Amino acid sequence: MIHRLSTARLCRPSDLRPLRDDLEIVGTFNPGAIVSADLFNQV
């Protein structure tokens, strides 16, 4: 079982700076992925 760590984020909007002064960062996307041995056994 893999436990979700919902309190830890990789990246927050406050961690980033817009490329231009007229832009605003309002959100970020923090994807997660795993690889399982079962994935390779499927045909």
C-alpha atoms as a PDB file:
ATOM      1  CA  MET A   1       0.000   0.000   0.000  1.00  0.00           C
ATOM      2  CA  ILE A   2       1.283   3.440  -0.939  1.00  0.00           C
ATOM      3  CA  HIS A   3       0.255   6.198   1.437  1.00  0.00           C
ATOM      4  CA  ARG A   4      -0.707   9.589   0.070  1.00  0.00           C
ATOM      5  CA  LEU A   5       1.128  12.503   1.602  1.00  0.00           C
ATOM      6  CA  SER A   6      -1.585  15.118   1.185  1.00  0.00           C
ATOM      7  CA  THR A   7       0.108  17.738   3.356  1.00  0.00           C
ATOM      8  CA  ALA A   8       3.291  17.973   1.277  1.00  0.00           C
ATOM      9  CA  ARG A   9       3.341  19.751  -2.064  1.00  0.00           C
ATOM     10  CA  LEU A  10       6.173  19.818  -4.529  1.00  0.00           C
ATOM     11  CA  CYS A  11       5.401  23.283  -5.797  1.00  0.00           C
ATOM     12  CA  ARG A  12       3.135  26.142  -4.631  1.00  0.00           C
ATOM     13  CA  PRO A  13       2.117  29.235  -6.624  1.00  0.00           C
ATOM     14  CA  SER A  14       4.149  31.349  -4.193  1.00  0.00           C
ATOM     15  CA  ASP A  15       7.267  29.352  -5.185  1.00  0.00           C
ATOM     16  CA  LEU A  16       7.069  30.650  -8.760  1.00  0.00           C
ATOM     17  CA  ARG A  17       7.462  34.059 -10.384  1.00  0.00           C
ATOM     18  CA  PRO A  18       5.528  35.091 -13.507  1.00  0.00           C
ATOM     19  CA  LEU A  19       7.562  35.702 -16.636  1.00  0.00           C
ATOM     20  CA  ARG A  20       5.896  39.084 -17.165  1.00  0.00           C
ATOM     21  CA  ASP A  21       4.538  41.741 -14.802  1.00  0.00           C
ATOM     22  CA  ASP A  22       1.035  41.512 -16.301  1.00  0.00           C
ATOM     23  CA  LEU A  23       0.737  37.768 -15.534  1.00  0.00           C
ATOM     24  CA  GLU A  24      -0.237  36.038 -12.288  1.00  0.00           C
ATOM     25  CA  ILE A  25       0.317  32.455 -11.133  1.00  0.00           C
ATOM     26  CA  VAL A  26      -2.922  31.238  -9.579  1.00  0.00           C
ATOM     27  CA  GLY A  27      -2.249  27.500  -9.251  1.00  0.00           C
ATOM     28  CA  THR A  28       0.173  24.655  -9.776  1.00  0.00           C
ATOM     29  CA  PHE A  29      -0.159  21.015 -10.789  1.00  0.00           C
ATOM     30  CA  ASN A  30       1.742  18.453  -8.734  1.00  0.00           C
ATOM     31  CA  PRO A  31       1.512  15.091 -10.516  1.00  0.00           C
ATOM     32  CA  GLY A  32       2.542  11.816  -8.969  1.00  0.00           C
ATOM     33  CA  ALA A  33       3.283   8.444 -10.517  1.00  0.00           C
ATOM     34  CA  ILE A  34       4.333   4.955  -9.540  1.00  0.00           C
ATOM     35  CA  VAL A  35       5.482   1.881 -11.416  1.00  0.00           C
ATOM     36  CA  SER A  36       4.329  -1.518 -10.271  1.00  0.00           C
ATOM     37  CA  ALA A  37       5.652  -4.935 -11.239  1.00  0.00           C
ATOM     38  CA  ASP A  38       2.085  -5.870 -12.253  1.00  0.00           C
ATOM     39  CA  LEU A  39       2.159  -3.190 -14.931  1.00  0.00           C
ATOM     40  CA  PHE A  40       4.819  -5.097 -16.871  1.00  0.00           C
ATOM     41  CA  ASN A  41       3.012  -8.449 -16.609  1.00  0.00           C
ATOM     42  CA  GLN A  42      -0.119  -7.271 -18.426  1.00  0.00           C
ATOM     43  CA  VAL A  43      -0.492  -8.320 -22.039  1.00  0.00           C
END
